[in-house]
Amino acid sequence: MTGGIAAWALHEYFAMALAGRRLVEKAVALIAGVGLMVPLVLGYYPVFVGGMTLLVFFFACLFLLRHGTIQRVTGELALLLFGFLYISLPLAHLALLRDLAHGTRWVLLVLFMVMLNDSCAYFSGTFWGRKKLYPSVSPKKSVEGAIGGLVGSVLAAGVAHVTFMPWSGLVPLLLLGLVAGVVAELGDLFESLLKRSFGVKDSGTLIPGHGGILDRLDSLLFAFPLTYYFALWFQG
């Protein structure tokens, strides 16, 4: 399932980043981006590093043979390889998190924190939003909405502690909620930055009225790695 999500997200990203160009390279990169996750999830870290190095070499050679407009090569190659770092690597942490002790509950915690962050940010921004947070990137977001989002993610962590994660420490979990809230909002802003730079409103049309799958994953791409390493520290 994680591989399918990654494939769709990569498809949307490549469609935005290289719209109408590099069809062969994008198809190969989509397959490679999903395949790159396998050794990382299975714990074969030297294989993952070797695979990433091989992919850089492979696409360098592919662009050498199929350079097209030479002035675009550097930017197109960078955009293609960035897809692995932006989508494949963070989403692999979803599978890594799920495989930990209580892994399903950790994943549920991330989803809960991000969901409540989004909901509280929306409502607090709608009712009390006055000061713009970052208008050049996301004109509708407000400072008040961002603060409400942080309250939501901390609240989600607290609720998780007293419901499905009673074995976790309250203070560490609340701290995770706060940091995850910040990270989730940064992930949302970063995807907005990408979309503006690519000149699109949504990453796709998978969910009518809500954009593509990447629009739903933007915060999670930043939150899953954070929570995975927090869980490793907490359990270790």
Protein backbone atom coordinates (compact mmCIF):
# COMPACT_ATOMS: atom_id res chain seq x y z
CA MET A 1 0.00 0.00 0.00
CA THR A 2 2.81 2.42 0.87
CA GLY A 3 4.39 1.70 -2.50
CA GLY A 4 1.14 2.51 -4.29
CA ILE A 5 0.81 5.80 -2.42
CA ALA A 6 4.41 6.66 -3.26
CA ALA A 7 3.87 5.83 -6.93
CA TRP A 8 0.84 8.11 -7.19
CA ALA A 9 2.57 10.93 -5.30
CA LEU A 10 5.63 10.65 -7.54
CA HIS A 11 3.38 10.68 -10.60
CA GLU A 12 1.76 13.93 -9.43
CA TYR A 13 5.09 15.49 -8.54
CA PHE A 14 6.71 14.64 -11.88
CA ALA A 15 3.60 15.87 -13.73
CA MET A 16 3.97 19.25 -12.01
CA ALA A 17 7.75 19.52 -12.10
CA LEU A 18 8.25 18.35 -15.69
CA ALA A 19 4.87 19.04 -17.27
CA GLY A 20 4.73 17.63 -20.79
CA ARG A 21 8.45 16.83 -20.83
CA ARG A 22 10.73 13.85 -20.18
CA LEU A 23 8.01 11.19 -20.44
CA VAL A 24 10.51 8.31 -20.59
CA GLU A 25 12.62 9.64 -17.74
CA LYS A 26 9.54 10.23 -15.58
CA ALA A 27 8.27 6.70 -16.14
CA VAL A 28 11.63 5.19 -15.21
CA ALA A 29 11.97 7.51 -12.20
CA LEU A 30 8.53 6.53 -10.92
CA ILE A 31 9.46 2.85 -10.88
CA ALA A 32 12.90 3.60 -9.45
CA GLY A 33 11.46 5.84 -6.75
CA VAL A 34 9.20 3.08 -5.46
CA GLY A 35 11.91 0.43 -5.77
CA LEU A 36 14.34 2.61 -3.82
CA MET A 37 12.07 2.33 -0.78
CA VAL A 38 12.37 -1.47 -0.56
CA PRO A 39 15.94 -1.85 0.81
CA LEU A 40 15.40 1.04 3.22
CA VAL A 41 12.23 -0.51 4.63
CA LEU A 42 13.88 -3.92 4.90
CA GLY A 43 16.84 -2.47 6.77
CA TYR A 44 19.43 -2.99 4.03
CA TYR A 45 20.92 0.46 4.43
CA PRO A 46 24.13 -0.10 2.43
CA VAL A 47 21.96 -1.39 -0.43
CA PHE A 48 19.80 1.72 -0.18
CA VAL A 49 22.84 4.03 -0.29
CA GLY A 50 24.26 2.04 -3.18
CA GLY A 51 20.91 2.12 -4.97
CA MET A 52 20.64 5.89 -4.58
CA THR A 53 24.17 6.33 -5.90
CA LEU A 54 23.42 4.04 -8.83
CA LEU A 55 20.27 6.01 -9.66
CA VAL A 56 22.20 9.29 -9.74
CA PHE A 57 24.74 7.71 -12.11
CA PHE A 58 22.00 6.09 -14.21
CA PHE A 59 19.98 9.28 -14.71
CA ALA A 60 23.13 11.27 -15.36
CA CYS A 61 23.92 8.87 -18.22
CA LEU A 62 20.31 8.85 -19.41
CA PHE A 63 20.25 12.64 -19.62
CA LEU A 64 23.61 12.56 -21.36
CA LEU A 65 22.14 10.34 -24.07
CA ARG A 66 18.78 12.16 -24.14
CA HIS A 67 19.78 15.71 -23.29
CA GLY A 68 17.15 17.55 -25.32
CA THR A 69 17.44 21.29 -24.73
CA ILE A 70 20.85 21.50 -23.08
CA GLN A 71 20.02 24.66 -21.15
CA ARG A 72 17.30 22.74 -19.28
CA VAL A 73 19.28 19.61 -18.42
CA THR A 74 20.59 20.70 -15.01
CA GLY A 75 17.21 21.86 -13.75
CA GLU A 76 15.30 18.87 -15.13
CA LEU A 77 17.75 16.36 -13.68
CA ALA A 78 17.69 18.09 -10.30
CA LEU A 79 13.87 18.10 -10.25
CA LEU A 80 13.76 14.42 -11.12
CA LEU A 81 16.21 13.36 -8.42
CA PHE A 82 14.56 15.62 -5.85
CA GLY A 83 11.41 13.52 -6.17
CA PHE A 84 13.24 10.65 -4.48
CA LEU A 85 14.28 12.83 -1.56
CA TYR A 86 10.93 14.57 -1.20
CA ILE A 87 8.61 11.56 -1.58
CA SER A 88 10.34 8.16 -1.60
CA LEU A 89 12.57 8.73 1.41
CA PRO A 90 9.95 10.25 3.76
CA LEU A 91 7.25 7.72 2.80
CA ALA A 92 9.63 4.86 3.51
CA HIS A 93 9.53 6.09 7.11
CA LEU A 94 5.81 5.29 7.18
CA ALA A 95 6.63 1.63 6.65
CA LEU A 96 9.55 1.81 9.08
CA LEU A 97 7.30 3.35 11.73
CA ARG A 98 4.62 0.72 11.19
CA ASP A 99 7.18 -2.07 11.76
CA LEU A 100 8.18 -0.79 15.21
CA ALA A 101 6.63 -2.09 18.42
CA HIS A 102 3.13 -0.56 18.63
CA GLY A 103 3.80 0.58 15.06
CA THR A 104 0.17 0.84 14.01
CA ARG A 105 -0.52 3.11 16.98
CA TRP A 106 2.43 5.33 16.13
CA VAL A 107 1.11 5.69 12.58
CA LEU A 108 -2.36 6.45 13.94
CA LEU A 109 -0.82 9.08 16.21
CA VAL A 110 0.79 10.84 13.23
CA LEU A 111 -2.47 10.82 11.28
CA PHE A 112 -4.38 12.10 14.31
CA MET A 113 -1.90 14.92 15.02
CA VAL A 114 -1.85 16.09 11.41
CA MET A 115 -5.63 15.81 11.01
CA LEU A 116 -6.33 17.83 14.16
CA ASN A 117 -3.64 20.31 13.20
CA ASP A 118 -5.35 20.90 9.85
CA SER A 119 -8.83 21.12 11.36
CA CYS A 120 -7.90 23.49 14.18
CA ALA A 121 -5.81 25.64 11.85
CA TYR A 122 -8.75 25.95 9.47
CA PHE A 123 -11.29 26.90 12.11
CA SER A 124 -9.06 29.25 14.10
CA GLY A 125 -7.87 30.89 10.89
CA THR A 126 -11.45 31.27 9.65
CA PHE A 127 -12.78 32.85 12.86
CA TRP A 128 -9.77 34.73 14.23
CA GLY A 129 -7.29 34.96 11.39
CA ARG A 130 -6.01 38.50 10.90
CA LYS A 131 -2.26 38.46 10.39
CA LYS A 132 -0.93 36.71 7.29
CA LEU A 133 1.57 33.94 7.99
CA TYR A 134 3.46 33.77 4.69
CA PRO A 135 1.47 35.54 1.95
CA SER A 136 4.02 35.09 -0.84
CA VAL A 137 3.69 31.30 -0.50
CA SER A 138 0.20 30.73 0.92
CA PRO A 139 -1.95 33.89 0.99
CA LYS A 140 -4.84 32.34 2.92
CA LYS A 141 -2.86 31.08 5.91
CA SER A 142 -2.73 33.21 9.04
CA VAL A 143 -0.60 33.34 12.17
CA GLU A 144 -3.72 32.70 14.25
CA GLY A 145 -4.49 29.64 12.13
CA ALA A 146 -0.96 28.32 12.59
CA ILE A 147 -1.20 28.74 16.36
CA GLY A 148 -4.55 26.95 16.35
CA GLY A 149 -2.96 24.13 14.38
CA LEU A 150 -0.22 23.73 16.99
CA VAL A 151 -2.85 23.57 19.72
CA GLY A 152 -4.63 20.88 17.72
CA SER A 153 -1.56 18.68 17.29
CA VAL A 154 -0.67 18.97 20.99
CA LEU A 155 -4.27 18.16 21.91
CA ALA A 156 -4.14 15.12 19.62
CA ALA A 157 -1.01 13.87 21.38
CA GLY A 158 -2.68 14.31 24.77
CA VAL A 159 -5.80 12.46 23.68
CA ALA A 160 -3.64 9.67 22.23
CA HIS A 161 -1.90 9.28 25.58
CA VAL A 162 -5.12 8.73 27.51
CA THR A 163 -6.74 6.51 24.86
CA PHE A 164 -4.70 4.27 22.57
CA MET A 165 -1.15 5.05 23.81
CA PRO A 166 -1.41 4.90 27.64
CA TRP A 167 2.07 3.38 27.93
CA SER A 168 3.69 6.49 26.47
CA GLY A 169 4.93 9.34 28.62
CA LEU A 170 2.60 12.33 28.59
CA VAL A 171 5.25 15.05 28.56
CA PRO A 172 7.34 13.51 25.74
CA LEU A 173 4.21 12.90 23.71
CA LEU A 174 3.01 16.49 24.18
CA LEU A 175 6.44 17.70 23.10
CA LEU A 176 6.19 15.49 20.03
CA GLY A 177 2.77 16.98 19.31
CA LEU A 178 4.18 20.50 19.42
CA VAL A 179 7.17 19.74 17.18
CA ALA A 180 5.08 17.60 14.83
CA GLY A 181 2.64 20.49 14.52
CA VAL A 182 5.43 22.84 13.47
CA VAL A 183 6.87 20.30 11.06
CA ALA A 184 3.45 19.52 9.57
CA GLU A 185 2.79 23.19 8.88
CA LEU A 186 6.22 23.56 7.31
CA GLY A 187 5.45 20.59 5.07
CA ASP A 188 2.20 22.21 4.00
CA LEU A 189 3.94 25.51 3.25
CA PHE A 190 6.73 23.78 1.34
CA GLU A 191 4.29 22.01 -0.97
CA SER A 192 2.55 25.35 -1.55
CA LEU A 193 5.94 26.79 -2.49
CA LEU A 194 6.50 23.96 -4.98
CA LYS A 195 3.06 24.40 -6.55
CA ARG A 196 3.56 28.14 -6.93
CA SER A 197 6.96 27.61 -8.51
CA PHE A 198 5.39 25.10 -10.95
CA GLY A 199 2.43 27.38 -11.64
CA VAL A 200 -0.33 25.00 -10.51
CA LYS A 201 -3.12 25.29 -7.94
CA ASP A 202 -3.35 21.61 -6.93
CA SER A 203 -1.00 18.68 -7.32
CA GLY A 204 -3.72 16.64 -9.03
CA THR A 205 -7.43 15.90 -9.30
CA LEU A 206 -7.66 12.61 -7.39
CA ILE A 207 -9.96 14.08 -4.71
CA PRO A 208 -12.54 16.48 -6.23
CA GLY A 209 -12.37 19.82 -4.46
CA HIS A 210 -9.30 18.83 -2.44
CA GLY A 211 -6.61 18.34 -5.07
CA GLY A 212 -4.32 15.38 -5.47
CA ILE A 213 -2.81 12.83 -3.14
CA LEU A 214 0.29 14.98 -2.69
CA ASP A 215 -1.94 17.76 -1.34
CA ARG A 216 -3.06 15.30 1.36
CA LEU A 217 0.46 14.02 2.05
CA ASP A 218 2.34 17.31 2.26
CA SER A 219 2.31 17.52 6.07
CA LEU A 220 2.73 13.76 6.53
CA LEU A 221 5.89 13.70 4.43
CA PHE A 222 7.54 15.80 7.13
CA ALA A 223 5.78 14.26 10.13
CA PHE A 224 6.43 10.56 9.50
CA PRO A 225 10.26 10.76 9.66
CA LEU A 226 10.11 12.97 12.77
CA THR A 227 7.82 10.55 14.59
CA TYR A 228 9.84 7.51 13.52
CA TYR A 229 13.04 8.85 15.05
CA PHE A 230 11.16 10.04 18.12
CA ALA A 231 9.71 6.54 18.53
CA LEU A 232 13.17 5.00 18.18
CA TRP A 233 14.49 7.31 20.88
CA PHE A 234 11.48 6.74 23.10
CA GLN A 235 11.57 2.96 22.82
CA GLY A 236 15.35 2.70 22.94
